[in-house]
Amino acid sequence: GAKPLARIVGYADGATDPIDFPIAPRFSTEKLLKQVGMSAGEVDLWEINEAFSVVVLANMKLHELDPDKVNIHGGAVSLGHPLGASGTRIVNHLVFALQPGQ
């Protein structure tokens, strides 16, 4: 009788030259939005994984993201990178941060 809390509708990866690491998420984000037929404005919450705060700031600017929807409880700089489990932390955080219907 358990009900799912969330549904993963797509995923993507992306890469760029090491010198451009702050904008690397841009490439996977653009692929994913195209894949699922959505715009950045239609996304309720964003978790952008980062080792440096500039990554989040750069990608917020590139995608014109609402700061109130990005890493709402902090990102990896403040919460840490669990060894081998950053993706799990991000997905679980989003599942419990989203409200029903989002």
C-alpha atoms as a PDB file:
ATOM      1  CA  GLY A   1       0.000   0.000   0.000  1.00  0.00           C
ATOM      2  CA  ALA A   2       2.972   2.356  -0.137  1.00  0.00           C
ATOM      3  CA  LYS A   3       2.604   5.322  -2.471  1.00  0.00           C
ATOM      4  CA  PRO A   4       5.530   6.829  -4.375  1.00  0.00           C
ATOM      5  CA  LEU A   5       6.711  10.207  -3.091  1.00  0.00           C
ATOM      6  CA  ALA A   6       8.172  11.282  -6.429  1.00  0.00           C
ATOM      7  CA  ARG A   7       8.793  10.233 -10.001  1.00  0.00           C
ATOM      8  CA  ILE A   8      11.999  10.674 -11.992  1.00  0.00           C
ATOM      9  CA  VAL A   9      10.987  11.828 -15.469  1.00  0.00           C
ATOM     10  CA  GLY A  10      14.435  12.083 -17.061  1.00  0.00           C
ATOM     11  CA  TYR A  11      18.143  12.493 -16.580  1.00  0.00           C
ATOM     12  CA  ALA A  12      21.110  13.775 -18.558  1.00  0.00           C
ATOM     13  CA  ASP A  13      24.822  14.328 -18.257  1.00  0.00           C
ATOM     14  CA  GLY A  14      27.124  16.939 -19.678  1.00  0.00           C
ATOM     15  CA  ALA A  15      30.731  18.021 -19.645  1.00  0.00           C
ATOM     16  CA  THR A  16      33.018  20.800 -20.753  1.00  0.00           C
ATOM     17  CA  ASP A  17      36.686  21.705 -20.649  1.00  0.00           C
ATOM     18  CA  PRO A  18      38.089  21.785 -17.102  1.00  0.00           C
ATOM     19  CA  ILE A  19      38.735  25.539 -17.286  1.00  0.00           C
ATOM     20  CA  ASP A  20      34.962  26.034 -17.737  1.00  0.00           C
ATOM     21  CA  PHE A  21      33.895  23.813 -14.815  1.00  0.00           C
ATOM     22  CA  PRO A  22      31.587  26.461 -13.294  1.00  0.00           C
ATOM     23  CA  ILE A  23      29.227  26.207 -16.268  1.00  0.00           C
ATOM     24  CA  ALA A  24      29.365  22.417 -16.716  1.00  0.00           C
ATOM     25  CA  PRO A  25      25.854  21.868 -15.260  1.00  0.00           C
ATOM     26  CA  ARG A  26      24.495  24.070 -18.044  1.00  0.00           C
ATOM     27  CA  PHE A  27      25.035  21.333 -20.629  1.00  0.00           C
ATOM     28  CA  SER A  28      23.218  18.590 -18.751  1.00  0.00           C
ATOM     29  CA  THR A  29      20.438  20.976 -17.713  1.00  0.00           C
ATOM     30  CA  GLU A  30      19.792  22.062 -21.298  1.00  0.00           C
ATOM     31  CA  LYS A  31      19.753  18.438 -22.507  1.00  0.00           C
ATOM     32  CA  LEU A  32      17.381  17.393 -19.731  1.00  0.00           C
ATOM     33  CA  LEU A  33      14.944  20.262 -20.211  1.00  0.00           C
ATOM     34  CA  LYS A  34      14.783  19.503 -23.938  1.00  0.00           C
ATOM     35  CA  GLN A  35      14.360  15.768 -23.253  1.00  0.00           C
ATOM     36  CA  VAL A  36      11.370  16.284 -20.947  1.00  0.00           C
ATOM     37  CA  GLY A  37       9.867  19.199 -22.888  1.00  0.00           C
ATOM     38  CA  MET A  38      10.084  21.744 -20.080  1.00  0.00           C
ATOM     39  CA  SER A  39      11.545  25.190 -19.566  1.00  0.00           C
ATOM     40  CA  ALA A  40      13.676  26.187 -16.593  1.00  0.00           C
ATOM     41  CA  GLY A  41      10.783  28.292 -15.279  1.00  0.00           C
ATOM     42  CA  GLU A  42       8.551  25.220 -15.015  1.00  0.00           C
ATOM     43  CA  VAL A  43      10.858  23.502 -12.516  1.00  0.00           C
ATOM     44  CA  ASP A  44       9.624  23.858  -8.929  1.00  0.00           C
ATOM     45  CA  LEU A  45      12.948  23.322  -7.136  1.00  0.00           C
ATOM     46  CA  TRP A  46      16.568  23.090  -8.233  1.00  0.00           C
ATOM     47  CA  GLU A  47      19.447  21.267  -6.579  1.00  0.00           C
ATOM     48  CA  ILE A  48      22.717  22.217  -8.240  1.00  0.00           C
ATOM     49  CA  ASN A  49      25.614  20.157  -6.942  1.00  0.00           C
ATOM     50  CA  GLU A  50      28.753  22.185  -6.422  1.00  0.00           C
ATOM     51  CA  ALA A  51      32.160  22.138  -4.839  1.00  0.00           C
ATOM     52  CA  PHE A  52      32.432  25.904  -5.305  1.00  0.00           C
ATOM     53  CA  SER A  53      29.603  28.411  -4.812  1.00  0.00           C
ATOM     54  CA  VAL A  54      30.366  30.062  -8.159  1.00  0.00           C
ATOM     55  CA  VAL A  55      28.913  26.991  -9.908  1.00  0.00           C
ATOM     56  CA  VAL A  56      25.443  27.685  -8.521  1.00  0.00           C
ATOM     57  CA  LEU A  57      25.675  31.419  -9.165  1.00  0.00           C
ATOM     58  CA  ALA A  58      26.857  30.949 -12.762  1.00  0.00           C
ATOM     59  CA  ASN A  59      24.103  28.466 -13.585  1.00  0.00           C
ATOM     60  CA  MET A  60      21.421  30.549 -11.911  1.00  0.00           C
ATOM     61  CA  LYS A  61      22.446  33.396 -14.200  1.00  0.00           C
ATOM     62  CA  LEU A  62      22.708  31.253 -17.351  1.00  0.00           C
ATOM     63  CA  HIS A  63      19.220  29.787 -16.866  1.00  0.00           C
ATOM     64  CA  GLU A  64      17.668  32.863 -15.221  1.00  0.00           C
ATOM     65  CA  LEU A  65      16.646  30.765 -12.203  1.00  0.00           C
ATOM     66  CA  ASP A  66      14.633  32.146  -9.312  1.00  0.00           C
ATOM     67  CA  PRO A  67      17.011  32.158  -6.298  1.00  0.00           C
ATOM     68  CA  ASP A  68      14.099  31.100  -4.072  1.00  0.00           C
ATOM     69  CA  LYS A  69      13.995  27.778  -5.964  1.00  0.00           C
ATOM     70  CA  VAL A  70      17.718  26.917  -5.932  1.00  0.00           C
ATOM     71  CA  ASN A  71      19.387  24.843  -3.192  1.00  0.00           C
ATOM     72  CA  ILE A  72      16.744  26.065  -0.758  1.00  0.00           C
ATOM     73  CA  HIS A  73      18.314  24.372   2.262  1.00  0.00           C
ATOM     74  CA  GLY A  74      21.928  24.806   1.157  1.00  0.00           C
ATOM     75  CA  GLY A  75      24.082  22.912  -1.269  1.00  0.00           C
ATOM     76  CA  ALA A  76      27.151  20.743  -1.055  1.00  0.00           C
ATOM     77  CA  VAL A  77      29.303  23.645   0.174  1.00  0.00           C
ATOM     78  CA  SER A  78      27.158  23.942   3.304  1.00  0.00           C
ATOM     79  CA  LEU A  79      25.850  20.372   3.640  1.00  0.00           C
ATOM     80  CA  GLY A  80      28.903  18.469   2.412  1.00  0.00           C
ATOM     81  CA  HIS A  81      29.561  15.830  -0.213  1.00  0.00           C
ATOM     82  CA  PRO A  82      28.759  12.389   1.180  1.00  0.00           C
ATOM     83  CA  LEU A  83      31.423  10.070  -0.205  1.00  0.00           C
ATOM     84  CA  GLY A  84      30.023   8.462  -3.340  1.00  0.00           C
ATOM     85  CA  ALA A  85      26.491   9.607  -2.567  1.00  0.00           C
ATOM     86  CA  SER A  86      26.080  13.220  -3.704  1.00  0.00           C
ATOM     87  CA  GLY A  87      23.400  12.195  -6.203  1.00  0.00           C
ATOM     88  CA  THR A  88      21.489  10.281  -3.539  1.00  0.00           C
ATOM     89  CA  ARG A  89      21.602  13.273  -1.206  1.00  0.00           C
ATOM     90  CA  ILE A  90      20.311  15.577  -3.928  1.00  0.00           C
ATOM     91  CA  VAL A  91      17.454  13.305  -5.041  1.00  0.00           C
ATOM     92  CA  ASN A  92      16.330  12.532  -1.489  1.00  0.00           C
ATOM     93  CA  HIS A  93      16.460  16.189  -0.524  1.00  0.00           C
ATOM     94  CA  LEU A  94      14.260  17.141  -3.479  1.00  0.00           C
ATOM     95  CA  VAL A  95      11.776  14.344  -2.729  1.00  0.00           C
ATOM     96  CA  PHE A  96      11.248  15.628   0.801  1.00  0.00           C
ATOM     97  CA  ALA A  97      11.449  19.347  -0.072  1.00  0.00           C
ATOM     98  CA  LEU A  98       8.770  19.237  -2.771  1.00  0.00           C
ATOM     99  CA  GLN A  99       5.203  19.728  -1.679  1.00  0.00           C
ATOM    100  CA  PRO A 100       2.387  17.424  -2.887  1.00  0.00           C
ATOM    101  CA  GLY A 101       1.480  18.309  -6.455  1.00  0.00           C
ATOM    102  CA  GLN A 102       4.825  19.865  -7.365  1.00  0.00           C
END
